[in-house]
């Protein structure tokens, strides 16, 4: 059973879990629903990724085909954590840093109160 649905351009079951979280607000029930949708979609994708090449390739070619298919996904997964960490570090410094005198003066010039 699969909770999300797939289109030709990719999976949308993982974002469906986030949509539930954003639509119904932060609560324990929506967090559980989000995690369940993400887990079911991820599990279904894992099974499909392992078995679908058998439909298109012979058993002797299976290992080579799966490794070629998995390479982009594995590289993306490996690079996602450091990229997100860097993005959160930079955005966190921009959002949560204490305002400096220079920034406060610049904001006062940019947004005069009348």
N, C-alpha and C. Protein backbone atom coordinates (compact mmCIF):
# COMPACT_ATOMS: atom_id res chain seq x y z
N UNK A 1 0.85 -1.18 0.00
CA UNK A 1 0.00 0.00 0.00
C UNK A 1 0.89 1.24 0.00
N UNK A 2 0.50 2.20 -0.78
CA UNK A 2 1.31 3.40 -0.91
C UNK A 2 0.44 4.62 -0.63
N UNK A 3 0.88 5.48 0.28
CA UNK A 3 0.08 6.65 0.64
C UNK A 3 0.16 7.75 -0.38
N UNK A 4 1.36 8.04 -0.84
CA UNK A 4 1.52 9.12 -1.81
C UNK A 4 1.27 8.59 -3.20
N UNK A 5 1.20 9.50 -4.15
CA UNK A 5 1.11 9.04 -5.53
C UNK A 5 2.28 9.57 -6.29
N UNK A 6 2.61 8.89 -7.36
CA UNK A 6 3.80 9.22 -8.13
C UNK A 6 3.39 9.81 -9.46
N UNK A 7 4.16 10.74 -9.92
CA UNK A 7 3.99 11.29 -11.25
C UNK A 7 5.22 10.97 -12.05
N UNK A 8 5.19 11.26 -13.31
CA UNK A 8 6.34 10.96 -14.17
C UNK A 8 7.60 11.66 -13.71
N UNK A 9 7.48 12.79 -13.06
CA UNK A 9 8.66 13.58 -12.71
C UNK A 9 9.22 13.26 -11.33
N UNK A 10 8.59 12.40 -10.57
CA UNK A 10 9.19 12.06 -9.28
C UNK A 10 8.16 11.78 -8.21
N UNK A 11 8.68 11.56 -7.02
CA UNK A 11 7.84 11.20 -5.88
C UNK A 11 7.27 12.44 -5.24
N UNK A 12 6.03 12.33 -4.79
CA UNK A 12 5.48 13.42 -4.00
C UNK A 12 4.94 12.93 -2.66
N UNK A 13 5.22 11.67 -2.30
CA UNK A 13 4.71 11.15 -1.04
C UNK A 13 5.42 11.76 0.16
N UNK A 14 6.71 12.05 0.03
CA UNK A 14 7.41 12.68 1.15
C UNK A 14 6.92 14.10 1.38
N UNK A 15 6.79 14.92 0.33
CA UNK A 15 6.21 16.24 0.54
C UNK A 15 4.76 16.19 1.01
N UNK A 16 4.05 15.10 0.73
CA UNK A 16 2.68 14.97 1.21
C UNK A 16 2.67 14.95 2.74
N UNK A 17 3.64 14.29 3.33
CA UNK A 17 3.75 14.29 4.79
C UNK A 17 4.00 15.69 5.33
N UNK A 18 4.85 16.45 4.66
CA UNK A 18 5.10 17.83 5.08
C UNK A 18 3.86 18.69 4.89
N UNK A 19 3.12 18.43 3.82
CA UNK A 19 1.89 19.19 3.58
C UNK A 19 0.89 18.97 4.71
N UNK A 20 0.77 17.74 5.18
CA UNK A 20 -0.10 17.44 6.32
C UNK A 20 0.36 18.24 7.53
N UNK A 21 1.66 18.27 7.76
CA UNK A 21 2.20 19.00 8.92
C UNK A 21 1.91 20.49 8.81
N UNK A 22 2.12 21.06 7.62
CA UNK A 22 1.87 22.50 7.45
C UNK A 22 0.38 22.82 7.43
N UNK A 23 -0.45 21.94 6.89
CA UNK A 23 -1.88 22.22 6.78
C UNK A 23 -2.58 22.18 8.13
N UNK A 24 -2.18 21.25 8.99
CA UNK A 24 -2.89 21.08 10.25
C UNK A 24 -2.13 21.63 11.46
N UNK A 25 -0.99 22.23 11.24
CA UNK A 25 -0.26 22.88 12.32
C UNK A 25 0.52 21.91 13.16
N UNK A 26 1.38 22.46 14.01
CA UNK A 26 2.22 21.61 14.85
C UNK A 26 1.45 21.02 16.02
N UNK A 27 1.32 19.74 16.00
CA UNK A 27 0.72 19.02 17.12
C UNK A 27 1.27 17.60 17.08
N UNK A 28 1.16 16.88 18.17
CA UNK A 28 1.68 15.51 18.17
C UNK A 28 1.01 14.63 17.11
N UNK A 29 -0.29 14.79 16.89
CA UNK A 29 -1.00 13.96 15.91
C UNK A 29 -0.52 14.24 14.49
N UNK A 30 -0.31 15.50 14.14
CA UNK A 30 0.14 15.80 12.78
C UNK A 30 1.59 15.38 12.59
N UNK A 31 2.38 15.46 13.64
CA UNK A 31 3.76 14.99 13.54
C UNK A 31 3.79 13.48 13.28
N UNK A 32 2.95 12.74 13.98
CA UNK A 32 2.87 11.29 13.76
C UNK A 32 2.40 11.00 12.34
N UNK A 33 1.38 11.73 11.86
CA UNK A 33 0.88 11.52 10.50
C UNK A 33 1.98 11.83 9.47
N UNK A 34 2.71 12.90 9.69
CA UNK A 34 3.80 13.26 8.79
C UNK A 34 4.86 12.16 8.75
N UNK A 35 5.25 11.67 9.91
CA UNK A 35 6.26 10.62 9.97
C UNK A 35 5.77 9.32 9.35
N UNK A 36 4.50 8.99 9.56
CA UNK A 36 3.95 7.78 8.96
C UNK A 36 3.92 7.87 7.44
N UNK A 37 3.46 9.01 6.91
CA UNK A 37 3.44 9.19 5.46
C UNK A 37 4.84 9.13 4.87
N UNK A 38 5.77 9.77 5.55
CA UNK A 38 7.15 9.73 5.08
C UNK A 38 7.70 8.31 5.11
N UNK A 39 7.45 7.58 6.19
CA UNK A 39 7.95 6.22 6.33
C UNK A 39 7.35 5.26 5.32
N UNK A 40 6.04 5.36 5.11
CA UNK A 40 5.39 4.48 4.15
C UNK A 40 5.89 4.77 2.74
N UNK A 41 5.98 6.04 2.39
CA UNK A 41 6.47 6.40 1.06
C UNK A 41 7.91 5.98 0.86
N UNK A 42 8.73 6.17 1.87
CA UNK A 42 10.13 5.79 1.77
C UNK A 42 10.28 4.28 1.67
N UNK A 43 9.51 3.55 2.43
CA UNK A 43 9.56 2.08 2.37
C UNK A 43 9.09 1.55 1.03
N UNK A 44 8.01 2.11 0.50
CA UNK A 44 7.50 1.68 -0.80
C UNK A 44 8.52 1.99 -1.90
N UNK A 45 9.16 3.14 -1.79
CA UNK A 45 10.16 3.50 -2.79
C UNK A 45 11.36 2.56 -2.72
N UNK A 46 11.75 2.16 -1.54
CA UNK A 46 12.88 1.25 -1.38
C UNK A 46 12.59 -0.11 -2.02
N UNK A 47 11.39 -0.63 -1.80
CA UNK A 47 11.00 -1.90 -2.40
C UNK A 47 10.94 -1.77 -3.92
N UNK A 48 10.33 -0.69 -4.40
CA UNK A 48 10.22 -0.49 -5.84
C UNK A 48 11.60 -0.33 -6.48
N UNK A 49 12.47 0.40 -5.82
CA UNK A 49 13.81 0.62 -6.37
C UNK A 49 14.59 -0.70 -6.47
N UNK A 50 14.34 -1.61 -5.55
CA UNK A 50 15.07 -2.88 -5.56
C UNK A 50 14.48 -3.87 -6.57
N UNK A 51 13.18 -3.81 -6.83
CA UNK A 51 12.55 -4.82 -7.67
C UNK A 51 12.28 -4.38 -9.10
N UNK A 52 12.10 -3.09 -9.35
CA UNK A 52 11.76 -2.64 -10.70
C UNK A 52 12.83 -2.96 -11.75
N UNK A 53 14.11 -2.89 -11.44
CA UNK A 53 15.10 -3.24 -12.48
C UNK A 53 14.96 -4.68 -12.99
N UNK A 54 14.41 -5.58 -12.17
CA UNK A 54 14.23 -6.96 -12.62
C UNK A 54 13.25 -7.05 -13.79
N UNK A 55 12.34 -6.09 -13.88
CA UNK A 55 11.39 -6.07 -14.98
C UNK A 55 12.09 -5.71 -16.29
N UNK A 56 13.08 -4.84 -16.23
CA UNK A 56 13.70 -4.30 -17.43
C UNK A 56 15.04 -4.95 -17.80
N UNK A 57 15.69 -5.60 -16.84
CA UNK A 57 17.02 -6.16 -17.09
C UNK A 57 17.02 -7.65 -16.76
N UNK A 58 17.90 -8.38 -17.42
CA UNK A 58 18.07 -9.80 -17.13
C UNK A 58 18.78 -9.95 -15.79
N UNK A 59 18.62 -11.12 -15.21
CA UNK A 59 19.22 -11.37 -13.90
C UNK A 59 20.73 -11.16 -13.92
N UNK A 60 21.38 -11.51 -15.00
CA UNK A 60 22.84 -11.35 -15.10
C UNK A 60 23.25 -9.88 -15.13
N UNK A 61 22.39 -9.02 -15.65
CA UNK A 61 22.70 -7.58 -15.76
C UNK A 61 22.18 -6.78 -14.57
N UNK A 62 21.51 -7.44 -13.64
CA UNK A 62 20.83 -6.75 -12.54
C UNK A 62 21.78 -5.91 -11.68
N UNK A 63 22.89 -6.49 -11.25
CA UNK A 63 23.80 -5.78 -10.35
C UNK A 63 24.37 -4.53 -11.00
N UNK A 64 24.78 -4.63 -12.25
CA UNK A 64 25.34 -3.46 -12.95
C UNK A 64 24.27 -2.40 -13.15
N UNK A 65 23.06 -2.81 -13.49
CA UNK A 65 21.97 -1.85 -13.71
C UNK A 65 21.59 -1.14 -12.42
N UNK A 66 21.48 -1.89 -11.34
CA UNK A 66 21.11 -1.28 -10.06
C UNK A 66 22.17 -0.30 -9.59
N UNK A 67 23.42 -0.63 -9.79
CA UNK A 67 24.48 0.30 -9.35
C UNK A 67 24.46 1.59 -10.15
N UNK A 68 24.17 1.51 -11.44
CA UNK A 68 24.08 2.73 -12.26
C UNK A 68 22.87 3.55 -11.86
N UNK A 69 21.74 2.87 -11.58
CA UNK A 69 20.52 3.56 -11.18
C UNK A 69 20.68 4.20 -9.80
N UNK A 70 21.36 3.52 -8.89
CA UNK A 70 21.47 3.99 -7.51
C UNK A 70 22.51 5.09 -7.33
N UNK A 71 23.45 5.22 -8.23
CA UNK A 71 24.53 6.19 -8.04
C UNK A 71 24.03 7.62 -7.84
N UNK A 72 23.16 8.16 -8.70
CA UNK A 72 22.71 9.54 -8.47
C UNK A 72 21.97 9.72 -7.14
N UNK A 73 21.15 8.75 -6.79
CA UNK A 73 20.42 8.85 -5.52
C UNK A 73 21.38 8.79 -4.33
N UNK A 74 22.35 7.91 -4.39
CA UNK A 74 23.31 7.81 -3.29
C UNK A 74 24.18 9.06 -3.18
N UNK A 75 24.61 9.62 -4.31
CA UNK A 75 25.38 10.86 -4.27
C UNK A 75 24.55 12.01 -3.71
N UNK A 76 23.30 12.09 -4.14
CA UNK A 76 22.42 13.14 -3.63
C UNK A 76 22.22 13.00 -2.13
N UNK A 77 22.00 11.77 -1.68
CA UNK A 77 21.82 11.54 -0.24
C UNK A 77 23.08 11.89 0.54
N UNK A 78 24.22 11.58 -0.02
CA UNK A 78 25.48 11.87 0.67
C UNK A 78 25.75 13.37 0.75
N UNK A 79 25.37 14.10 -0.27
CA UNK A 79 25.64 15.54 -0.31
C UNK A 79 24.55 16.37 0.37
N UNK A 80 23.38 15.79 0.59
CA UNK A 80 22.26 16.54 1.14
C UNK A 80 22.52 17.02 2.57
N UNK A 81 23.05 16.16 3.41
CA UNK A 81 23.27 16.53 4.81
C UNK A 81 24.26 17.68 4.97
N UNK A 82 25.44 17.63 4.33
CA UNK A 82 26.35 18.77 4.46
C UNK A 82 25.79 20.05 3.82
N UNK A 83 25.08 19.90 2.70
CA UNK A 83 24.51 21.09 2.05
C UNK A 83 23.44 21.73 2.93
N UNK A 84 22.57 20.92 3.51
CA UNK A 84 21.53 21.46 4.39
C UNK A 84 22.15 22.06 5.65
N UNK A 85 23.15 21.41 6.18
CA UNK A 85 23.83 21.93 7.36
C UNK A 85 24.44 23.31 7.08
N UNK A 86 25.10 23.43 5.94
CA UNK A 86 25.67 24.73 5.56
C UNK A 86 24.61 25.78 5.36
N UNK A 87 23.51 25.41 4.70
CA UNK A 87 22.42 26.35 4.47
C UNK A 87 21.80 26.81 5.79
N UNK A 88 21.58 25.87 6.70
CA UNK A 88 21.01 26.24 7.99
C UNK A 88 21.97 27.09 8.82
N UNK A 89 23.26 26.82 8.69
CA UNK A 89 24.25 27.62 9.41
C UNK A 89 24.23 29.06 8.91
N UNK A 90 24.24 29.22 7.60
CA UNK A 90 24.25 30.57 7.03
C UNK A 90 22.93 31.29 7.32
N UNK A 91 21.81 30.61 7.08
CA UNK A 91 20.52 31.27 7.30
C UNK A 91 20.28 31.51 8.78
N UNK A 92 20.75 30.61 9.62
CA UNK A 92 20.58 30.81 11.06
C UNK A 92 21.35 32.01 11.55
N UNK A 93 22.55 32.21 11.01
CA UNK A 93 23.33 33.38 11.39
C UNK A 93 22.64 34.65 10.91
N UNK A 94 22.04 34.60 9.73
CA UNK A 94 21.36 35.79 9.21
C UNK A 94 20.08 36.09 9.99
N UNK A 95 19.37 35.06 10.35
CA UNK A 95 18.07 35.25 11.01
C UNK A 95 18.22 35.51 12.50
N UNK A 96 19.07 34.74 13.16
CA UNK A 96 19.11 34.78 14.61
C UNK A 96 20.27 35.57 15.20
N UNK A 97 21.08 36.17 14.38
CA UNK A 97 22.19 36.94 14.94
C UNK A 97 21.67 38.24 15.53
N UNK A 98 22.37 38.72 16.54
CA UNK A 98 21.97 39.97 17.17
C UNK A 98 22.21 41.12 16.20
N UNK A 99 21.31 42.07 16.17
CA UNK A 99 21.51 43.19 15.24
C UNK A 99 22.70 44.05 15.65
N UNK A 100 23.52 44.36 14.70
CA UNK A 100 24.66 45.23 14.97
C UNK A 100 24.23 46.67 14.76
N UNK A 101 25.04 47.58 15.25
CA UNK A 101 24.73 49.01 15.07
C UNK A 101 24.63 49.35 13.58
N UNK A 102 25.55 48.81 12.80
CA UNK A 102 25.55 49.09 11.37
C UNK A 102 24.26 48.60 10.71
N UNK A 103 23.83 47.38 11.08
CA UNK A 103 22.59 46.86 10.50
C UNK A 103 21.38 47.67 10.95
N UNK A 104 21.38 48.09 12.21
CA UNK A 104 20.25 48.88 12.71
C UNK A 104 20.18 50.22 11.99
N UNK A 105 21.33 50.86 11.78
CA UNK A 105 21.34 52.13 11.05
C UNK A 105 20.89 51.94 9.61
N UNK A 106 21.35 50.88 8.98
CA UNK A 106 20.96 50.59 7.61
C UNK A 106 19.45 50.35 7.53
N UNK A 107 18.90 49.61 8.48
CA UNK A 107 17.46 49.36 8.50
C UNK A 107 16.68 50.65 8.74
N UNK A 108 17.21 51.52 9.61
CA UNK A 108 16.54 52.79 9.87
C UNK A 108 16.49 53.64 8.61
N UNK A 109 17.58 53.63 7.83
CA UNK A 109 17.59 54.38 6.57
C UNK A 109 16.66 53.76 5.54
N UNK A 110 16.61 52.45 5.51
CA UNK A 110 15.80 51.76 4.51
C UNK A 110 14.30 51.84 4.84
N UNK A 111 13.96 51.85 6.12
CA UNK A 111 12.57 51.87 6.53
C UNK A 111 12.32 53.01 7.50
N UNK A 112 12.28 54.24 7.01
CA UNK A 112 12.02 55.37 7.94
C UNK A 112 10.62 55.29 8.51
N UNK A 113 10.48 55.77 9.74
CA UNK A 113 9.18 55.69 10.41
C UNK A 113 8.28 56.89 10.08
N UNK A 114 8.67 57.81 9.34
CA UNK A 114 7.95 59.00 8.88
C UNK A 114 8.67 60.24 9.26
